[in-house]
Amino acid sequence: MNSPTLPKIDLSTFFLSVSSAAFWGMGITPPGSQEKPQIDLEMARHNIDLLELIEEKTRGNRTPDESKLAEQLLFETRMRFVELERQLKAGSKA
């Protein structure tokens, strides 16, 4: 049985993995995915909180590239989460 080669786990890969889980919780699936998007805001929030925790606990121990990636991922996941919440609230009022 041939399984795909997975990338080496490092801090950047871990940040990307957690942020991907947050995006999946927001119903954002990877391009080409055959899965039907499902929204699970609790899962998304949990993974954003985890990303924040990792960012906080590794501060001062990251490379500049890792720090930039962490900041970008946190910004993007937070903004998308807020926008999705806004859309869902607006849709429930309609």
PDB file of N, CA and C in Angstrom:
ATOM      1  N   MET A   1       0.847  -1.176   0.000  1.00  0.00           N
ATOM      2  CA  MET A   1       0.000   0.000   0.000  1.00  0.00           C
ATOM      3  C   MET A   1       0.893   1.240   0.000  1.00  0.00           C
ATOM      4  N   ASN A   2       0.753   2.069  -0.989  1.00  0.00           N
ATOM      5  CA  ASN A   2       1.540   3.294  -1.115  1.00  0.00           C
ATOM      6  C   ASN A   2       0.757   4.460  -0.540  1.00  0.00           C
ATOM      7  N   SER A   3       1.315   5.105   0.460  1.00  0.00           N
ATOM      8  CA  SER A   3       0.663   6.290   1.010  1.00  0.00           C
ATOM      9  C   SER A   3       1.447   7.512   0.556  1.00  0.00           C
ATOM     10  N   PRO A   4       0.756   8.644   0.426  1.00  0.00           N
ATOM     11  CA  PRO A   4       1.458   9.845  -0.012  1.00  0.00           C
ATOM     12  C   PRO A   4       2.513  10.259   1.013  1.00  0.00           C
ATOM     13  N   THR A   5       3.558  10.858   0.513  1.00  0.00           N
ATOM     14  CA  THR A   5       4.612  11.346   1.390  1.00  0.00           C
ATOM     15  C   THR A   5       4.123  12.600   2.094  1.00  0.00           C
ATOM     16  N   LEU A   6       4.137  12.555   3.390  1.00  0.00           N
ATOM     17  CA  LEU A   6       3.702  13.706   4.174  1.00  0.00           C
ATOM     18  C   LEU A   6       4.893  14.617   4.434  1.00  0.00           C
ATOM     19  N   PRO A   7       4.642  15.927   4.524  1.00  0.00           N
ATOM     20  CA  PRO A   7       5.757  16.849   4.775  1.00  0.00           C
ATOM     21  C   PRO A   7       6.321  16.643   6.178  1.00  0.00           C
ATOM     22  N   LYS A   8       7.586  16.976   6.321  1.00  0.00           N
ATOM     23  CA  LYS A   8       8.231  16.919   7.630  1.00  0.00           C
ATOM     24  C   LYS A   8       7.486  17.870   8.573  1.00  0.00           C
ATOM     25  N   ILE A   9       7.263  17.421   9.780  1.00  0.00           N
ATOM     26  CA  ILE A   9       6.579  18.265  10.752  1.00  0.00           C
ATOM     27  C   ILE A   9       7.592  19.229  11.368  1.00  0.00           C
ATOM     28  N   ASP A  10       7.322  20.502  11.159  1.00  0.00           N
ATOM     29  CA  ASP A  10       8.082  21.560  11.811  1.00  0.00           C
ATOM     30  C   ASP A  10       7.050  22.582  12.283  1.00  0.00           C
ATOM     31  N   LEU A  11       7.494  23.649  12.866  1.00  0.00           N
ATOM     32  CA  LEU A  11       6.559  24.616  13.433  1.00  0.00           C
ATOM     33  C   LEU A  11       5.672  25.242  12.368  1.00  0.00           C
ATOM     34  N   SER A  12       6.230  25.560  11.215  1.00  0.00           N
ATOM     35  CA  SER A  12       5.427  26.152  10.138  1.00  0.00           C
ATOM     36  C   SER A  12       4.355  25.181   9.656  1.00  0.00           C
ATOM     37  N   THR A  13       4.717  23.924   9.486  1.00  0.00           N
ATOM     38  CA  THR A  13       3.742  22.918   9.062  1.00  0.00           C
ATOM     39  C   THR A  13       2.651  22.764  10.112  1.00  0.00           C
ATOM     40  N   PHE A  14       3.024  22.826  11.374  1.00  0.00           N
ATOM     41  CA  PHE A  14       2.046  22.713  12.454  1.00  0.00           C
ATOM     42  C   PHE A  14       1.084  23.906  12.430  1.00  0.00           C
ATOM     43  N   PHE A  15       1.610  25.121  12.274  1.00  0.00           N
ATOM     44  CA  PHE A  15       0.751  26.301  12.149  1.00  0.00           C
ATOM     45  C   PHE A  15      -0.228  26.133  10.986  1.00  0.00           C
ATOM     46  N   LEU A  16       0.269  25.675   9.844  1.00  0.00           N
ATOM     47  CA  LEU A  16      -0.574  25.488   8.665  1.00  0.00           C
ATOM     48  C   LEU A  16      -1.639  24.427   8.895  1.00  0.00           C
ATOM     49  N   SER A  17      -1.285  23.366   9.586  1.00  0.00           N
ATOM     50  CA  SER A  17      -2.233  22.294   9.875  1.00  0.00           C
ATOM     51  C   SER A  17      -3.380  22.784  10.765  1.00  0.00           C
ATOM     52  N   VAL A  18      -3.041  23.512  11.805  1.00  0.00           N
ATOM     53  CA  VAL A  18      -4.066  24.024  12.720  1.00  0.00           C
ATOM     54  C   VAL A  18      -4.945  25.059  12.019  1.00  0.00           C
ATOM     55  N   SER A  19      -4.351  25.924  11.224  1.00  0.00           N
ATOM     56  CA  SER A  19      -5.157  26.915  10.516  1.00  0.00           C
ATOM     57  C   SER A  19      -6.056  26.240   9.483  1.00  0.00           C
ATOM     58  N   SER A  20      -5.579  25.179   8.838  1.00  0.00           N
ATOM     59  CA  SER A  20      -6.422  24.429   7.900  1.00  0.00           C
ATOM     60  C   SER A  20      -7.640  23.850   8.607  1.00  0.00           C
ATOM     61  N   ALA A  21      -7.437  23.338   9.805  1.00  0.00           N
ATOM     62  CA  ALA A  21      -8.565  22.803  10.578  1.00  0.00           C
ATOM     63  C   ALA A  21      -9.566  23.910  10.901  1.00  0.00           C
ATOM     64  N   ALA A  22      -9.070  25.108  11.176  1.00  0.00           N
ATOM     65  CA  ALA A  22      -9.970  26.235  11.438  1.00  0.00           C
ATOM     66  C   ALA A  22     -10.769  26.585  10.181  1.00  0.00           C
ATOM     67  N   PHE A  23     -10.097  26.606   9.034  1.00  0.00           N
ATOM     68  CA  PHE A  23     -10.792  26.897   7.774  1.00  0.00           C
ATOM     69  C   PHE A  23     -11.836  25.831   7.463  1.00  0.00           C
ATOM     70  N   TRP A  24     -11.515  24.563   7.711  1.00  0.00           N
ATOM     71  CA  TRP A  24     -12.496  23.497   7.483  1.00  0.00           C
ATOM     72  C   TRP A  24     -13.710  23.700   8.374  1.00  0.00           C
ATOM     73  N   GLY A  25     -13.480  24.130   9.610  1.00  0.00           N
ATOM     74  CA  GLY A  25     -14.587  24.407  10.515  1.00  0.00           C
ATOM     75  C   GLY A  25     -15.464  25.554  10.026  1.00  0.00           C
ATOM     76  N   MET A  26     -14.885  26.419   9.209  1.00  0.00           N
ATOM     77  CA  MET A  26     -15.653  27.520   8.630  1.00  0.00           C
ATOM     78  C   MET A  26     -16.274  27.129   7.293  1.00  0.00           C
ATOM     79  N   GLY A  27     -16.143  25.845   6.937  1.00  0.00           N
ATOM     80  CA  GLY A  27     -16.729  25.371   5.695  1.00  0.00           C
ATOM     81  C   GLY A  27     -15.890  25.663   4.471  1.00  0.00           C
ATOM     82  N   ILE A  28     -14.634  26.034   4.670  1.00  0.00           N
ATOM     83  CA  ILE A  28     -13.726  26.327   3.558  1.00  0.00           C
ATOM     84  C   ILE A  28     -12.884  25.082   3.327  1.00  0.00           C
ATOM     85  N   THR A  29     -13.161  24.386   2.239  1.00  0.00           N
ATOM     86  CA  THR A  29     -12.428  23.164   1.939  1.00  0.00           C
ATOM     87  C   THR A  29     -11.325  23.449   0.938  1.00  0.00           C
ATOM     88  N   PRO A  30     -10.309  22.590   0.903  1.00  0.00           N
ATOM     89  CA  PRO A  30      -9.206  22.801  -0.035  1.00  0.00           C
ATOM     90  C   PRO A  30      -9.693  22.744  -1.485  1.00  0.00           C
ATOM     91  N   PRO A  31      -9.018  23.450  -2.388  1.00  0.00           N
ATOM     92  CA  PRO A  31      -9.387  23.397  -3.808  1.00  0.00           C
ATOM     93  C   PRO A  31      -9.361  21.956  -4.308  1.00  0.00           C
ATOM     94  N   GLY A  32     -10.354  21.598  -5.093  1.00  0.00           N
ATOM     95  CA  GLY A  32     -10.431  20.253  -5.644  1.00  0.00           C
ATOM     96  C   GLY A  32     -11.018  19.220  -4.706  1.00  0.00           C
ATOM     97  N   SER A  33     -11.357  19.635  -3.495  1.00  0.00           N
ATOM     98  CA  SER A  33     -11.917  18.702  -2.531  1.00  0.00           C
ATOM     99  C   SER A  33     -13.306  18.269  -2.974  1.00  0.00           C
ATOM    100  N   GLN A  34     -13.590  17.005  -2.803  1.00  0.00           N
ATOM    101  CA  GLN A  34     -14.901  16.466  -3.150  1.00  0.00           C
ATOM    102  C   GLN A  34     -15.863  16.535  -1.967  1.00  0.00           C
ATOM    103  N   GLU A  35     -15.349  16.928  -0.829  1.00  0.00           N
ATOM    104  CA  GLU A  35     -16.179  17.011   0.372  1.00  0.00           C
ATOM    105  C   GLU A  35     -17.133  18.193   0.283  1.00  0.00           C
ATOM    106  N   LYS A  36     -18.341  17.985   0.781  1.00  0.00           N
ATOM    107  CA  LYS A  36     -19.308  19.074   0.856  1.00  0.00           C
ATOM    108  C   LYS A  36     -18.930  19.942   2.064  1.00  0.00           C
ATOM    109  N   PRO A  37     -18.784  21.244   1.862  1.00  0.00           N
ATOM    110  CA  PRO A  37     -18.414  22.115   2.990  1.00  0.00           C
ATOM    111  C   PRO A  37     -19.467  22.071   4.103  1.00  0.00           C
ATOM    112  N   GLN A  38     -18.987  21.954   5.317  1.00  0.00           N
ATOM    113  CA  GLN A  38     -19.859  21.986   6.487  1.00  0.00           C
ATOM    114  C   GLN A  38     -19.289  22.997   7.463  1.00  0.00           C
ATOM    115  N   ILE A  39     -20.166  23.770   8.068  1.00  0.00           N
ATOM    116  CA  ILE A  39     -19.723  24.797   9.003  1.00  0.00           C
ATOM    117  C   ILE A  39     -19.862  24.283  10.426  1.00  0.00           C
ATOM    118  N   ASP A  40     -18.782  24.381  11.166  1.00  0.00           N
ATOM    119  CA  ASP A  40     -18.744  24.023  12.578  1.00  0.00           C
ATOM    120  C   ASP A  40     -17.951  25.134  13.275  1.00  0.00           C
ATOM    121  N   LEU A  41     -18.682  26.177  13.695  1.00  0.00           N
ATOM    122  CA  LEU A  41     -18.007  27.347  14.286  1.00  0.00           C
ATOM    123  C   LEU A  41     -17.261  27.006  15.569  1.00  0.00           C
ATOM    124  N   GLU A  42     -17.765  26.035  16.332  1.00  0.00           N
ATOM    125  CA  GLU A  42     -17.054  25.645  17.553  1.00  0.00           C
ATOM    126  C   GLU A  42     -15.693  25.057  17.218  1.00  0.00           C
ATOM    127  N   MET A  43     -15.640  24.197  16.194  1.00  0.00           N
ATOM    128  CA  MET A  43     -14.368  23.622  15.784  1.00  0.00           C
ATOM    129  C   MET A  43     -13.439  24.713  15.251  1.00  0.00           C
ATOM    130  N   ALA A  44     -13.990  25.623  14.464  1.00  0.00           N
ATOM    131  CA  ALA A  44     -13.185  26.717  13.933  1.00  0.00           C
ATOM    132  C   ALA A  44     -12.618  27.562  15.072  1.00  0.00           C
ATOM    133  N   ARG A  45     -13.451  27.974  16.003  1.00  0.00           N
ATOM    134  CA  ARG A  45     -13.017  28.790  17.146  1.00  0.00           C
ATOM    135  C   ARG A  45     -11.968  28.045  17.964  1.00  0.00           C
ATOM    136  N   HIS A  46     -12.177  26.742  18.193  1.00  0.00           N
ATOM    137  CA  HIS A  46     -11.232  25.936  18.961  1.00  0.00           C
ATOM    138  C   HIS A  46      -9.849  25.956  18.298  1.00  0.00           C
ATOM    139  N   ASN A  47      -9.813  25.797  16.982  1.00  0.00           N
ATOM    140  CA  ASN A  47      -8.534  25.778  16.278  1.00  0.00           C
ATOM    141  C   ASN A  47      -7.891  27.159  16.208  1.00  0.00           C
ATOM    142  N   ILE A  48      -8.687  28.203  16.123  1.00  0.00           N
ATOM    143  CA  ILE A  48      -8.129  29.558  16.187  1.00  0.00           C
ATOM    144  C   ILE A  48      -7.530  29.800  17.571  1.00  0.00           C
ATOM    145  N   ASP A  49      -8.234  29.362  18.612  1.00  0.00           N
ATOM    146  CA  ASP A  49      -7.695  29.484  19.970  1.00  0.00           C
ATOM    147  C   ASP A  49      -6.390  28.698  20.113  1.00  0.00           C
ATOM    148  N   LEU A  50      -6.345  27.510  19.511  1.00  0.00           N
ATOM    149  CA  LEU A  50      -5.127  26.697  19.555  1.00  0.00           C
ATOM    150  C   LEU A  50      -3.986  27.402  18.822  1.00  0.00           C
ATOM    151  N   LEU A  51      -4.288  27.984  17.687  1.00  0.00           N
ATOM    152  CA  LEU A  51      -3.282  28.734  16.932  1.00  0.00           C
ATOM    153  C   LEU A  51      -2.761  29.916  17.757  1.00  0.00           C
ATOM    154  N   GLU A  52      -3.655  30.610  18.450  1.00  0.00           N
ATOM    155  CA  GLU A  52      -3.252  31.724  19.318  1.00  0.00           C
ATOM    156  C   GLU A  52      -2.352  31.226  20.454  1.00  0.00           C
ATOM    157  N   LEU A  53      -2.708  30.096  21.042  1.00  0.00           N
ATOM    158  CA  LEU A  53      -1.920  29.532  22.136  1.00  0.00           C
ATOM    159  C   LEU A  53      -0.512  29.163  21.663  1.00  0.00           C
ATOM    160  N   ILE A  54      -0.432  28.498  20.525  1.00  0.00           N
ATOM    161  CA  ILE A  54       0.870  28.102  19.982  1.00  0.00           C
ATOM    162  C   ILE A  54       1.706  29.348  19.675  1.00  0.00           C
ATOM    163  N   GLU A  55       1.061  30.351  19.071  1.00  0.00           N
ATOM    164  CA  GLU A  55       1.773  31.589  18.743  1.00  0.00           C
ATOM    165  C   GLU A  55       2.321  32.237  20.008  1.00  0.00           C
ATOM    166  N   GLU A  56       1.506  32.282  21.040  1.00  0.00           N
ATOM    167  CA  GLU A  56       1.921  32.905  22.298  1.00  0.00           C
ATOM    168  C   GLU A  56       3.051  32.125  22.973  1.00  0.00           C
ATOM    169  N   LYS A  57       2.908  30.814  23.037  1.00  0.00           N
ATOM    170  CA  LYS A  57       3.874  29.989  23.769  1.00  0.00           C
ATOM    171  C   LYS A  57       5.210  29.825  23.039  1.00  0.00           C
ATOM    172  N   THR A  58       5.219  30.075  21.731  1.00  0.00           N
ATOM    173  CA  THR A  58       6.477  29.948  20.988  1.00  0.00           C
ATOM    174  C   THR A  58       7.134  31.296  20.717  1.00  0.00           C
ATOM    175  N   ARG A  59       6.494  32.378  21.167  1.00  0.00           N
ATOM    176  CA  ARG A  59       7.039  33.727  20.946  1.00  0.00           C
ATOM    177  C   ARG A  59       8.452  33.801  21.521  1.00  0.00           C
ATOM    178  N   GLY A  60       9.356  34.341  20.729  1.00  0.00           N
ATOM    179  CA  GLY A  60      10.746  34.451  21.154  1.00  0.00           C
ATOM    180  C   GLY A  60      11.579  33.229  20.800  1.00  0.00           C
ATOM    181  N   ASN A  61      10.926  32.182  20.323  1.00  0.00           N
ATOM    182  CA  ASN A  61      11.623  30.943  19.964  1.00  0.00           C
ATOM    183  C   ASN A  61      11.376  30.557  18.509  1.00  0.00           C
ATOM    184  N   ARG A  62      10.949  31.515  17.701  1.00  0.00           N
ATOM    185  CA  ARG A  62      10.644  31.248  16.292  1.00  0.00           C
ATOM    186  C   ARG A  62      11.623  31.993  15.400  1.00  0.00           C
ATOM    187  N   THR A  63      11.736  31.482  14.180  1.00  0.00           N
ATOM    188  CA  THR A  63      12.494  32.223  13.179  1.00  0.00           C
ATOM    189  C   THR A  63      11.619  33.386  12.704  1.00  0.00           C
ATOM    190  N   PRO A  64      12.212  34.383  12.055  1.00  0.00           N
ATOM    191  CA  PRO A  64      11.387  35.472  11.519  1.00  0.00           C
ATOM    192  C   PRO A  64      10.313  34.974  10.551  1.00  0.00           C
ATOM    193  N   ASP A  65      10.630  33.985   9.720  1.00  0.00           N
ATOM    194  CA  ASP A  65       9.638  33.436   8.790  1.00  0.00           C
ATOM    195  C   ASP A  65       8.496  32.752   9.534  1.00  0.00           C
ATOM    196  N   GLU A  66       8.809  32.015  10.589  1.00  0.00           N
ATOM    197  CA  GLU A  66       7.766  31.355  11.376  1.00  0.00           C
ATOM    198  C   GLU A  66       6.871  32.392  12.050  1.00  0.00           C
ATOM    199  N   SER A  67       7.471  33.462  12.541  1.00  0.00           N
ATOM    200  CA  SER A  67       6.691  34.523  13.187  1.00  0.00           C
ATOM    201  C   SER A  67       5.753  35.201  12.194  1.00  0.00           C
ATOM    202  N   LYS A  68       6.276  35.482  11.006  1.00  0.00           N
ATOM    203  CA  LYS A  68       5.454  36.118   9.971  1.00  0.00           C
ATOM    204  C   LYS A  68       4.291  35.209   9.584  1.00  0.00           C
ATOM    205  N   LEU A  69       4.559  33.929   9.409  1.00  0.00           N
ATOM    206  CA  LEU A  69       3.513  32.969   9.055  1.00  0.00           C
ATOM    207  C   LEU A  69       2.447  32.907  10.149  1.00  0.00           C
ATOM    208  N   ALA A  70       2.869  32.823  11.397  1.00  0.00           N
ATOM    209  CA  ALA A  70       1.920  32.752  12.510  1.00  0.00           C
ATOM    210  C   ALA A  70       1.021  33.991  12.539  1.00  0.00           C
ATOM    211  N   GLU A  71       1.619  35.153  12.380  1.00  0.00           N
ATOM    212  CA  GLU A  71       0.840  36.398  12.393  1.00  0.00           C
ATOM    213  C   GLU A  71      -0.141  36.454  11.226  1.00  0.00           C
ATOM    214  N   GLN A  72       0.309  36.050  10.046  1.00  0.00           N
ATOM    215  CA  GLN A  72      -0.565  36.075   8.867  1.00  0.00           C
ATOM    216  C   GLN A  72      -1.724  35.092   9.021  1.00  0.00           C
ATOM    217  N   LEU A  73      -1.428  33.895   9.496  1.00  0.00           N
ATOM    218  CA  LEU A  73      -2.477  32.890   9.654  1.00  0.00           C
ATOM    219  C   LEU A  73      -3.493  33.314  10.708  1.00  0.00           C
ATOM    220  N   LEU A  74      -3.016  33.870  11.804  1.00  0.00           N
ATOM    221  CA  LEU A  74      -3.944  34.342  12.838  1.00  0.00           C
ATOM    222  C   LEU A  74      -4.825  35.457  12.306  1.00  0.00           C
ATOM    223  N   PHE A  75      -4.251  36.393  11.595  1.00  0.00           N
ATOM    224  CA  PHE A  75      -5.031  37.488  11.031  1.00  0.00           C
ATOM    225  C   PHE A  75      -6.089  36.950  10.072  1.00  0.00           C
ATOM    226  N   GLU A  76      -5.680  36.094   9.157  1.00  0.00           N
ATOM    227  CA  GLU A  76      -6.596  35.576   8.143  1.00  0.00           C
ATOM    228  C   GLU A  76      -7.712  34.727   8.761  1.00  0.00           C
ATOM    229  N   THR A  77      -7.371  33.846   9.677  1.00  0.00           N
ATOM    230  CA  THR A  77      -8.411  32.998  10.275  1.00  0.00           C
ATOM    231  C   THR A  77      -9.381  33.824  11.114  1.00  0.00           C
ATOM    232  N   ARG A  78      -8.865  34.787  11.849  1.00  0.00           N
ATOM    233  CA  ARG A  78      -9.752  35.643  12.652  1.00  0.00           C
ATOM    234  C   ARG A  78     -10.697  36.456  11.769  1.00  0.00           C
ATOM    235  N   MET A  79     -10.155  37.056  10.709  1.00  0.00           N
ATOM    236  CA  MET A  79     -10.992  37.877   9.822  1.00  0.00           C
ATOM    237  C   MET A  79     -12.071  37.042   9.144  1.00  0.00           C
ATOM    238  N   ARG A  80     -11.696  35.880   8.660  1.00  0.00           N
ATOM    239  CA  ARG A  80     -12.691  35.013   8.005  1.00  0.00           C
ATOM    240  C   ARG A  80     -13.746  34.543   8.990  1.00  0.00           C
ATOM    241  N   PHE A  81     -13.324  34.245  10.210  1.00  0.00           N
ATOM    242  CA  PHE A  81     -14.272  33.804  11.232  1.00  0.00           C
ATOM    243  C   PHE A  81     -15.289  34.908  11.531  1.00  0.00           C
ATOM    244  N   VAL A  82     -14.807  36.118  11.730  1.00  0.00           N
ATOM    245  CA  VAL A  82     -15.691  37.257  12.025  1.00  0.00           C
ATOM    246  C   VAL A  82     -16.653  37.491  10.861  1.00  0.00           C
ATOM    247  N   GLU A  83     -16.143  37.438   9.637  1.00  0.00           N
ATOM    248  CA  GLU A  83     -16.992  37.632   8.461  1.00  0.00           C
ATOM    249  C   GLU A  83     -18.053  36.535   8.358  1.00  0.00           C
ATOM    250  N   LEU A  84     -17.671  35.298   8.609  1.00  0.00           N
ATOM    251  CA  LEU A  84     -18.631  34.192   8.547  1.00  0.00           C
ATOM    252  C   LEU A  84     -19.702  34.350   9.613  1.00  0.00           C
ATOM    253  N   GLU A  85     -19.295  34.702  10.820  1.00  0.00           N
ATOM    254  CA  GLU A  85     -20.282  34.935  11.887  1.00  0.00           C
ATOM    255  C   GLU A  85     -21.259  36.031  11.479  1.00  0.00           C
ATOM    256  N   ARG A  86     -20.737  37.110  10.911  1.00  0.00           N
ATOM    257  CA  ARG A  86     -21.580  38.222  10.463  1.00  0.00           C
ATOM    258  C   ARG A  86     -22.570  37.743   9.400  1.00  0.00           C
ATOM    259  N   GLN A  87     -22.100  36.978   8.437  1.00  0.00           N
ATOM    260  CA  GLN A  87     -22.963  36.460   7.380  1.00  0.00           C
ATOM    261  C   GLN A  87     -24.048  35.536   7.946  1.00  0.00           C
ATOM    262  N   LEU A  88     -23.666  34.675   8.866  1.00  0.00           N
ATOM    263  CA  LEU A  88     -24.629  33.744   9.449  1.00  0.00           C
ATOM    264  C   LEU A  88     -25.681  34.472  10.272  1.00  0.00           C
ATOM    265  N   LYS A  89     -25.263  35.485  11.012  1.00  0.00           N
ATOM    266  CA  LYS A  89     -26.231  36.269  11.786  1.00  0.00           C
ATOM    267  C   LYS A  89     -27.180  37.043  10.873  1.00  0.00           C
ATOM    268  N   ALA A  90     -26.639  37.611   9.803  1.00  0.00           N
ATOM    269  CA  ALA A  90     -27.467  38.358   8.842  1.00  0.00           C
ATOM    270  C   ALA A  90     -28.443  37.401   8.152  1.00  0.00           C
ATOM    271  N   GLY A  91     -28.002  36.200   7.860  1.00  0.00           N
ATOM    272  CA  GLY A  91     -28.861  35.221   7.200  1.00  0.00           C
ATOM    273  C   GLY A  91     -29.963  34.707   8.101  1.00  0.00           C
ATOM    274  N   SER A  92     -29.700  34.633   9.405  1.00  0.00           N
ATOM    275  CA  SER A  92     -30.734  34.148  10.323  1.00  0.00           C
ATOM    276  C   SER A  92     -31.778  35.205  10.614  1.00  0.00           C
ATOM    277  N   LYS A  93     -31.450  36.475  10.337  1.00  0.00           N
ATOM    278  CA  LYS A  93     -32.398  37.565  10.556  1.00  0.00           C
ATOM    279  C   LYS A  93     -33.317  37.764   9.362  1.00  0.00           C
ATOM    280  N   ALA A  94     -32.911  37.187   8.224  1.00  0.00           N
ATOM    281  CA  ALA A  94     -33.689  37.387   6.985  1.00  0.00           C
ATOM    282  C   ALA A  94     -34.975  36.587   6.989  1.00  0.00           C
TER     283      ALA A  94
END
